[in-house]
Every structure is written in structure tokens, then in C-alpha cells.
C-alpha atoms as a PDB file:
ATOM      1  CA  UNK A   1     108.798 119.543  65.440  1.00  0.00           C
ATOM      2  CA  UNK A   2     105.805 117.512  64.307  1.00  0.00           C
ATOM      3  CA  UNK A   3     105.071 113.939  65.189  1.00  0.00           C
ATOM      4  CA  UNK A   4     103.586 111.385  62.850  1.00  0.00           C
ATOM      5  CA  UNK A   5     100.131 110.247  63.976  1.00  0.00           C
ATOM      6  CA  UNK A   6      99.301 106.564  64.195  1.00  0.00           C
ATOM      7  CA  UNK A   7      96.623 104.409  65.761  1.00  0.00           C
ATOM      8  CA  UNK A   8      97.725 102.471  68.836  1.00  0.00           C
ATOM      9  CA  UNK A   9      96.998  99.180  67.057  1.00  0.00           C
ATOM     10  CA  UNK A  10      99.384 100.140  64.266  1.00  0.00           C
ATOM     11  CA  UNK A  11     102.389 100.499  66.573  1.00  0.00           C
ATOM     12  CA  UNK A  12     101.564  98.179  69.502  1.00  0.00           C
ATOM     13  CA  UNK A  13     100.127  94.715  69.768  1.00  0.00           C
ATOM     14  CA  UNK A  14      98.096  93.209  72.600  1.00  0.00           C
ATOM     15  CA  UNK A  15      99.981  90.587  74.562  1.00  0.00           C
ATOM     16  CA  UNK A  16      98.105  89.244  77.591  1.00  0.00           C
ATOM     17  CA  UNK A  17     100.226  87.213  79.938  1.00  0.00           C
ATOM     18  CA  UNK A  18      98.869  85.871  83.199  1.00  0.00           C
ATOM     19  CA  UNK A  19     101.318  86.345  86.041  1.00  0.00           C
ATOM     20  CA  UNK A  20     101.493  85.348  89.663  1.00  0.00           C
ATOM     21  CA  UNK A  21     103.108  88.306  91.489  1.00  0.00           C
ATOM     22  CA  UNK A  22     106.313  87.453  93.315  1.00  0.00           C
ATOM     23  CA  UNK A  23     106.354  88.956  96.843  1.00  0.00           C
ATOM     24  CA  UNK A  24     110.125  89.519  96.534  1.00  0.00           C
ATOM     25  CA  UNK A  25     109.851  91.625  93.344  1.00  0.00           C
ATOM     26  CA  UNK A  26     108.787  95.256  92.952  1.00  0.00           C
ATOM     27  CA  UNK A  27     106.331  96.105  90.167  1.00  0.00           C
ATOM     28  CA  UNK A  28     105.686  99.460  88.511  1.00  0.00           C
ATOM     29  CA  UNK A  29     102.121 100.216  87.408  1.00  0.00           C
ATOM     30  CA  UNK A  30     102.005 102.104  84.102  1.00  0.00           C
ATOM     31  CA  UNK A  31      99.212 103.231  81.813  1.00  0.00           C
ATOM     32  CA  UNK A  32      98.207 105.477  78.953  1.00  0.00           C
ATOM     33  CA  UNK A  33      96.135 108.568  79.694  1.00  0.00           C
ATOM     34  CA  UNK A  34      92.799 108.876  77.955  1.00  0.00           C
ATOM     35  CA  UNK A  35      92.921 109.756  74.275  1.00  0.00           C
ATOM     36  CA  UNK A  36      96.636 108.949  74.262  1.00  0.00           C
ATOM     37  CA  UNK A  37      97.556 112.147  76.122  1.00  0.00           C
ATOM     38  CA  UNK A  38     100.685 110.729  77.679  1.00  0.00           C
ATOM     39  CA  UNK A  39     101.850 107.870  79.834  1.00  0.00           C
ATOM     40  CA  UNK A  40     101.731 107.697  83.613  1.00  0.00           C
ATOM     41  CA  UNK A  41     103.441 105.476  86.156  1.00  0.00           C
ATOM     42  CA  UNK A  42     103.511 104.993  89.892  1.00  0.00           C
ATOM     43  CA  UNK A  43     106.386 104.243  92.234  1.00  0.00           C
ATOM     44  CA  UNK A  44     107.320 100.538  92.337  1.00  0.00           C
ATOM     45  CA  UNK A  45     105.425  98.461  94.887  1.00  0.00           C
ATOM     46  CA  UNK A  46     106.270  94.998  96.218  1.00  0.00           C
ATOM     47  CA  UNK A  47     104.308  92.103  94.753  1.00  0.00           C
ATOM     48  CA  UNK A  48     102.810  91.198  98.117  1.00  0.00           C
ATOM     49  CA  UNK A  49     100.744  94.415  98.428  1.00  0.00           C
ATOM     50  CA  UNK A  50      97.322  92.782  98.480  1.00  0.00           C
ATOM     51  CA  UNK A  51      96.686  89.355  97.120  1.00  0.00           C
ATOM     52  CA  UNK A  52      93.256  89.176  95.571  1.00  0.00           C
ATOM     53  CA  UNK A  53      91.412  86.016  96.419  1.00  0.00           C
ATOM     54  CA  UNK A  54      90.730  83.458  93.717  1.00  0.00           C
ATOM     55  CA  UNK A  55      87.047  83.257  92.809  1.00  0.00           C
ATOM     56  CA  UNK A  56      85.364  79.859  92.949  1.00  0.00           C
ATOM     57  CA  UNK A  57      82.576  79.743  90.358  1.00  0.00           C
ATOM     58  CA  UNK A  58      80.644  77.257  88.236  1.00  0.00           C
ATOM     59  CA  UNK A  59      81.543  77.550  84.550  1.00  0.00           C
ATOM     60  CA  UNK A  60      77.862  77.224  83.583  1.00  0.00           C
ATOM     61  CA  UNK A  61      76.777  79.865  86.161  1.00  0.00           C
ATOM     62  CA  UNK A  62      79.316  82.675  85.762  1.00  0.00           C
ATOM     63  CA  UNK A  63      77.393  85.234  87.850  1.00  0.00           C
ATOM     64  CA  UNK A  64      76.337  82.895  90.682  1.00  0.00           C
ATOM     65  CA  UNK A  65      79.243  84.088  92.874  1.00  0.00           C
ATOM     66  CA  UNK A  66      77.936  87.673  93.184  1.00  0.00           C
ATOM     67  CA  UNK A  67      74.696  89.221  94.352  1.00  0.00           C
ATOM     68  CA  UNK A  68      73.481  92.855  94.313  1.00  0.00           C
ATOM     69  CA  UNK A  69      73.812  94.765  97.563  1.00  0.00           C
ATOM     70  CA  UNK A  70      70.290  95.657  98.725  1.00  0.00           C
ATOM     71  CA  UNK A  71      71.411  98.956 100.302  1.00  0.00           C
ATOM     72  CA  UNK A  72      73.711 100.451  97.667  1.00  0.00           C
ATOM     73  CA  UNK A  73      73.162 100.735  93.903  1.00  0.00           C
ATOM     74  CA  UNK A  74      75.885  99.356  91.624  1.00  0.00           C
ATOM     75  CA  UNK A  75      77.412  97.449  94.535  1.00  0.00           C
ATOM     76  CA  UNK A  76      77.765  93.676  94.687  1.00  0.00           C
ATOM     77  CA  UNK A  77      78.913  91.160  97.288  1.00  0.00           C
ATOM     78  CA  UNK A  78      80.564  87.806  96.717  1.00  0.00           C
ATOM     79  CA  UNK A  79      78.696  84.632  97.621  1.00  0.00           C
ATOM     80  CA  UNK A  80      80.220  81.313  98.698  1.00  0.00           C
ATOM     81  CA  UNK A  81      83.835  82.509  98.638  1.00  0.00           C
ATOM     82  CA  UNK A  82      86.635  81.952 101.145  1.00  0.00           C
ATOM     83  CA  UNK A  83      86.365  85.591 102.260  1.00  0.00           C
ATOM     84  CA  UNK A  84      83.681  88.235 101.650  1.00  0.00           C
ATOM     85  CA  UNK A  85      84.456  90.866  99.035  1.00  0.00           C
ATOM     86  CA  UNK A  86      82.458  93.923  97.972  1.00  0.00           C
ATOM     87  CA  UNK A  87      82.565  95.013  94.324  1.00  0.00           C
ATOM     88  CA  UNK A  88      82.006  98.682  93.487  1.00  0.00           C
ATOM     89  CA  UNK A  89      82.382 100.817  90.340  1.00  0.00           C
ATOM     90  CA  UNK A  90      85.973 101.846  89.634  1.00  0.00           C
ATOM     91  CA  UNK A  91      85.179 105.562  89.851  1.00  0.00           C
ATOM     92  CA  UNK A  92      84.533 105.089  93.585  1.00  0.00           C
ATOM     93  CA  UNK A  93      88.014 103.657  94.234  1.00  0.00           C
ATOM     94  CA  UNK A  94      90.090 105.315  91.521  1.00  0.00           C
ATOM     95  CA  UNK A  95      92.622 106.652  94.053  1.00  0.00           C
ATOM     96  CA  UNK A  96      92.904 103.345  95.933  1.00  0.00           C
ATOM     97  CA  UNK A  97      94.545 100.074  94.984  1.00  0.00           C
ATOM     98  CA  UNK A  98      92.015  97.821  93.323  1.00  0.00           C
ATOM     99  CA  UNK A  99      91.743  94.650  91.282  1.00  0.00           C
ATOM    100  CA  UNK A 100      89.960  94.453  87.970  1.00  0.00           C
ATOM    101  CA  UNK A 101      90.685  90.824  87.120  1.00  0.00           C
ATOM    102  CA  UNK A 102      90.476  87.720  89.257  1.00  0.00           C
ATOM    103  CA  UNK A 103      91.710  84.199  88.824  1.00  0.00           C
ATOM    104  CA  UNK A 104      88.622  81.986  88.610  1.00  0.00           C
ATOM    105  CA  UNK A 105      88.765  78.372  89.718  1.00  0.00           C
ATOM    106  CA  UNK A 106      85.936  76.412  88.099  1.00  0.00           C
ATOM    107  CA  UNK A 107      83.888  74.373  90.553  1.00  0.00           C
ATOM    108  CA  UNK A 108      83.087  70.892  89.385  1.00  0.00           C
ATOM    109  CA  UNK A 109      80.266  70.174  91.817  1.00  0.00           C
END
């Protein structure tokens, strides 16, 4: 049996939808392996696993809420947030739960 080859963009379309996870619902993480070599998924997890803090940042200073860590390369710490957070490259936490996107609340002052 042979399969017809197609580019991902020819059979799928990008649809970004912001969601607020519901603590009462279970979510299944899925993804596509590199170079399209299959699909993977993890067991469902409740939506209250770890809420990532919202980032408070000035729209005209988008990087003002992070600063480089003086002791570790490619490591950053948040500044002026409700709780401290350390940002590291994904390859350091690939087997842990992590956030890639944050909700940003624009500061007006």
C-alpha cells in the first residue's frame, strides 16, 4: 500500500483559539513528531494541573518583564510579576510539564 504525499498546509489549516482551561475537564496533549513521522499523545490530565501566571508587561517595552540570569546562560528571570518565574530553554525541561505561551496583561502605567 502506498500513501499519497502532501504538505501539512495542503491538508490542515492553522486555527489558533485562546482557551482558559477548565479545572473540571480533562485535556489530552497531542502533537506531530518531527518531519511528520507520526502523532503522539499523552494520557488526559485535569485542567487544573498548573496554572501559569499572567504576565504584566508594558506594550511598548515587551522585554522589560525578563532579565538574564547572571549565573546561568540562556536562563531568564521574571521582573515585577506576582510570583517569580525562571525561563529556560525547552530542551532542559522536555520531559516536564512546561508552558510556552503566556497571557499578557498590558500595563497602562
